[in-house]
């Protein structure tokens, strides 16, 4: 099931969306969904690495978050 979400983007991002959606012959929504999925996949990977580091070094989760600037 897909839901509608409203976001505000600057003109540069809108231009990129227009350009790539036309070139790839896909919708702007498709590009945004792919970008978000890739972002969340990478974020999940980074968080997993942080959790492993926390466990392996005996650091507190807060210390690791601070090291990563989070």
N, C-alpha and C. Protein backbone atom coordinates (compact mmCIF):
# COMPACT_ATOMS: atom_id res chain seq x y z
N UNK A 1 0.83 -1.17 0.00
CA UNK A 1 0.00 0.00 0.00
C UNK A 1 0.89 1.25 0.00
N UNK A 2 0.61 2.17 -0.87
CA UNK A 2 1.37 3.41 -0.94
C UNK A 2 0.58 4.54 -0.31
N UNK A 3 1.28 5.40 0.42
CA UNK A 3 0.68 6.58 1.03
C UNK A 3 1.27 7.82 0.40
N UNK A 4 0.56 8.90 0.48
CA UNK A 4 1.03 10.17 -0.04
C UNK A 4 1.73 10.95 1.07
N UNK A 5 2.90 11.52 0.72
CA UNK A 5 3.67 12.35 1.65
C UNK A 5 4.02 13.63 0.91
N UNK A 6 3.91 14.73 1.59
CA UNK A 6 4.25 16.01 0.99
C UNK A 6 5.60 16.47 1.54
N UNK A 7 6.50 16.89 0.62
CA UNK A 7 7.81 17.40 1.05
C UNK A 7 8.10 18.69 0.30
N UNK A 8 9.00 19.47 0.85
CA UNK A 8 9.45 20.69 0.19
C UNK A 8 10.90 20.46 -0.26
N UNK A 9 11.15 20.78 -1.52
CA UNK A 9 12.49 20.62 -2.08
C UNK A 9 12.93 21.92 -2.73
N UNK A 10 14.24 22.17 -2.69
CA UNK A 10 14.73 23.36 -3.37
C UNK A 10 14.76 23.14 -4.88
N UNK A 11 14.96 24.20 -5.61
CA UNK A 11 14.91 24.14 -7.07
C UNK A 11 15.95 23.22 -7.67
N UNK A 12 17.11 23.12 -7.04
CA UNK A 12 18.16 22.24 -7.54
C UNK A 12 17.70 20.79 -7.51
N UNK A 13 17.12 20.37 -6.39
CA UNK A 13 16.64 18.99 -6.30
C UNK A 13 15.50 18.73 -7.27
N UNK A 14 14.62 19.70 -7.43
CA UNK A 14 13.52 19.56 -8.38
C UNK A 14 14.07 19.38 -9.80
N UNK A 15 15.09 20.16 -10.13
CA UNK A 15 15.71 20.04 -11.46
C UNK A 15 16.31 18.66 -11.67
N UNK A 16 17.01 18.16 -10.64
CA UNK A 16 17.57 16.81 -10.73
C UNK A 16 16.46 15.77 -10.92
N UNK A 17 15.41 15.90 -10.14
CA UNK A 17 14.29 14.97 -10.26
C UNK A 17 13.68 15.00 -11.66
N UNK A 18 13.45 16.19 -12.16
CA UNK A 18 12.88 16.32 -13.51
C UNK A 18 13.79 15.67 -14.55
N UNK A 19 15.07 16.01 -14.48
CA UNK A 19 16.05 15.51 -15.46
C UNK A 19 16.12 13.99 -15.44
N UNK A 20 16.31 13.42 -14.26
CA UNK A 20 16.49 11.98 -14.18
C UNK A 20 15.20 11.20 -14.43
N UNK A 21 14.08 11.74 -14.02
CA UNK A 21 12.82 11.03 -14.28
C UNK A 21 12.55 10.97 -15.78
N UNK A 22 12.86 12.05 -16.50
CA UNK A 22 12.67 12.05 -17.95
C UNK A 22 13.66 11.11 -18.63
N UNK A 23 14.91 11.18 -18.21
CA UNK A 23 15.94 10.35 -18.84
C UNK A 23 15.70 8.86 -18.59
N UNK A 24 15.31 8.53 -17.37
CA UNK A 24 15.08 7.12 -17.01
C UNK A 24 13.68 6.64 -17.35
N UNK A 25 12.80 7.60 -17.70
CA UNK A 25 11.40 7.29 -17.99
C UNK A 25 10.70 6.61 -16.81
N UNK A 26 10.92 7.21 -15.65
CA UNK A 26 10.27 6.76 -14.42
C UNK A 26 9.68 7.99 -13.74
N UNK A 27 8.83 7.76 -12.76
CA UNK A 27 8.22 8.89 -12.05
C UNK A 27 9.19 9.48 -11.03
N UNK A 28 8.93 10.72 -10.68
CA UNK A 28 9.71 11.36 -9.62
C UNK A 28 9.50 10.63 -8.30
N UNK A 29 8.30 10.14 -8.08
CA UNK A 29 8.01 9.38 -6.86
C UNK A 29 8.88 8.13 -6.78
N UNK A 30 9.07 7.47 -7.92
CA UNK A 30 9.90 6.26 -7.95
C UNK A 30 11.33 6.60 -7.54
N UNK A 31 11.86 7.70 -8.08
CA UNK A 31 13.23 8.11 -7.74
C UNK A 31 13.34 8.42 -6.26
N UNK A 32 12.38 9.12 -5.72
CA UNK A 32 12.40 9.48 -4.30
C UNK A 32 12.31 8.22 -3.44
N UNK A 33 11.44 7.27 -3.82
CA UNK A 33 11.34 6.00 -3.06
C UNK A 33 12.66 5.26 -3.07
N UNK A 34 13.30 5.19 -4.25
CA UNK A 34 14.59 4.51 -4.35
C UNK A 34 15.65 5.20 -3.51
N UNK A 35 15.67 6.53 -3.55
CA UNK A 35 16.65 7.29 -2.78
C UNK A 35 16.46 7.06 -1.28
N UNK A 36 15.23 7.08 -0.84
CA UNK A 36 14.95 6.85 0.58
C UNK A 36 15.31 5.43 0.99
N UNK A 37 14.98 4.46 0.14
CA UNK A 37 15.32 3.07 0.46
C UNK A 37 16.83 2.89 0.57
N UNK A 38 17.57 3.47 -0.38
CA UNK A 38 19.03 3.39 -0.32
C UNK A 38 19.58 4.07 0.93
N UNK A 39 19.00 5.22 1.28
CA UNK A 39 19.43 5.93 2.48
C UNK A 39 19.19 5.09 3.73
N UNK A 40 17.99 4.51 3.83
CA UNK A 40 17.68 3.71 5.02
C UNK A 40 18.51 2.43 5.08
N UNK A 41 18.80 1.84 3.93
CA UNK A 41 19.68 0.66 3.91
C UNK A 41 21.06 1.02 4.44
N UNK A 42 21.61 2.15 3.98
CA UNK A 42 22.93 2.59 4.43
C UNK A 42 22.90 2.97 5.91
N UNK A 43 21.85 3.65 6.34
CA UNK A 43 21.71 4.02 7.74
C UNK A 43 21.65 2.77 8.62
N UNK A 44 20.89 1.76 8.19
CA UNK A 44 20.79 0.52 8.94
C UNK A 44 22.15 -0.16 9.04
N UNK A 45 22.90 -0.15 7.94
CA UNK A 45 24.24 -0.73 7.95
C UNK A 45 25.16 0.01 8.92
N UNK A 46 25.09 1.33 8.90
CA UNK A 46 25.92 2.13 9.82
C UNK A 46 25.54 1.88 11.27
N UNK A 47 24.25 1.80 11.54
CA UNK A 47 23.81 1.54 12.92
C UNK A 47 24.24 0.15 13.38
N UNK A 48 24.18 -0.82 12.48
CA UNK A 48 24.64 -2.17 12.83
C UNK A 48 26.12 -2.15 13.17
N UNK A 49 26.91 -1.45 12.34
CA UNK A 49 28.35 -1.34 12.62
C UNK A 49 28.61 -0.69 13.96
N UNK A 50 27.81 0.34 14.26
CA UNK A 50 27.97 1.02 15.54
C UNK A 50 27.64 0.09 16.71
N UNK A 51 26.59 -0.71 16.55
CA UNK A 51 26.21 -1.64 17.62
C UNK A 51 27.30 -2.69 17.84
N UNK A 52 27.87 -3.19 16.74
CA UNK A 52 28.94 -4.18 16.85
C UNK A 52 30.15 -3.57 17.54
N UNK A 53 30.49 -2.33 17.15
CA UNK A 53 31.62 -1.65 17.78
C UNK A 53 31.37 -1.45 19.27
N UNK A 54 30.15 -1.11 19.61
CA UNK A 54 29.80 -0.92 21.01
C UNK A 54 30.04 -2.19 21.80
N UNK A 55 29.60 -3.31 21.25
CA UNK A 55 29.75 -4.59 21.94
C UNK A 55 31.20 -5.04 21.99
N UNK A 56 31.92 -4.89 20.86
CA UNK A 56 33.28 -5.43 20.80
C UNK A 56 34.29 -4.60 21.59
N UNK A 57 34.05 -3.32 21.75
CA UNK A 57 35.00 -2.47 22.46
C UNK A 57 34.56 -2.16 23.88
N UNK A 58 33.43 -2.66 24.25
CA UNK A 58 32.95 -2.40 25.60
C UNK A 58 32.56 -0.96 25.83
N UNK A 59 32.34 -0.22 24.74
CA UNK A 59 31.94 1.18 24.87
C UNK A 59 30.44 1.25 25.07
N UNK A 60 30.03 2.35 25.68
CA UNK A 60 28.60 2.58 25.80
C UNK A 60 28.06 3.03 24.45
N UNK A 61 26.81 2.78 24.23
CA UNK A 61 26.18 3.18 22.98
C UNK A 61 26.30 4.69 22.79
N UNK A 62 26.18 5.44 23.87
CA UNK A 62 26.30 6.90 23.81
C UNK A 62 27.68 7.33 23.33
N UNK A 63 28.71 6.63 23.80
CA UNK A 63 30.09 6.97 23.38
C UNK A 63 30.26 6.77 21.88
N UNK A 64 29.73 5.68 21.38
CA UNK A 64 29.84 5.39 19.94
C UNK A 64 29.05 6.40 19.13
N UNK A 65 27.85 6.74 19.58
CA UNK A 65 27.05 7.74 18.89
C UNK A 65 27.80 9.07 18.81
N UNK A 66 28.45 9.42 19.91
CA UNK A 66 29.22 10.68 19.96
C UNK A 66 30.37 10.63 18.95
N UNK A 67 31.05 9.49 18.86
CA UNK A 67 32.15 9.33 17.91
C UNK A 67 31.67 9.54 16.47
N UNK A 68 30.47 9.08 16.17
CA UNK A 68 29.92 9.20 14.83
C UNK A 68 29.20 10.54 14.61
N UNK A 69 29.23 11.38 15.61
CA UNK A 69 28.61 12.70 15.48
C UNK A 69 27.09 12.65 15.50
N UNK A 70 26.53 11.65 16.15
CA UNK A 70 25.07 11.50 16.22
C UNK A 70 24.55 11.80 17.61
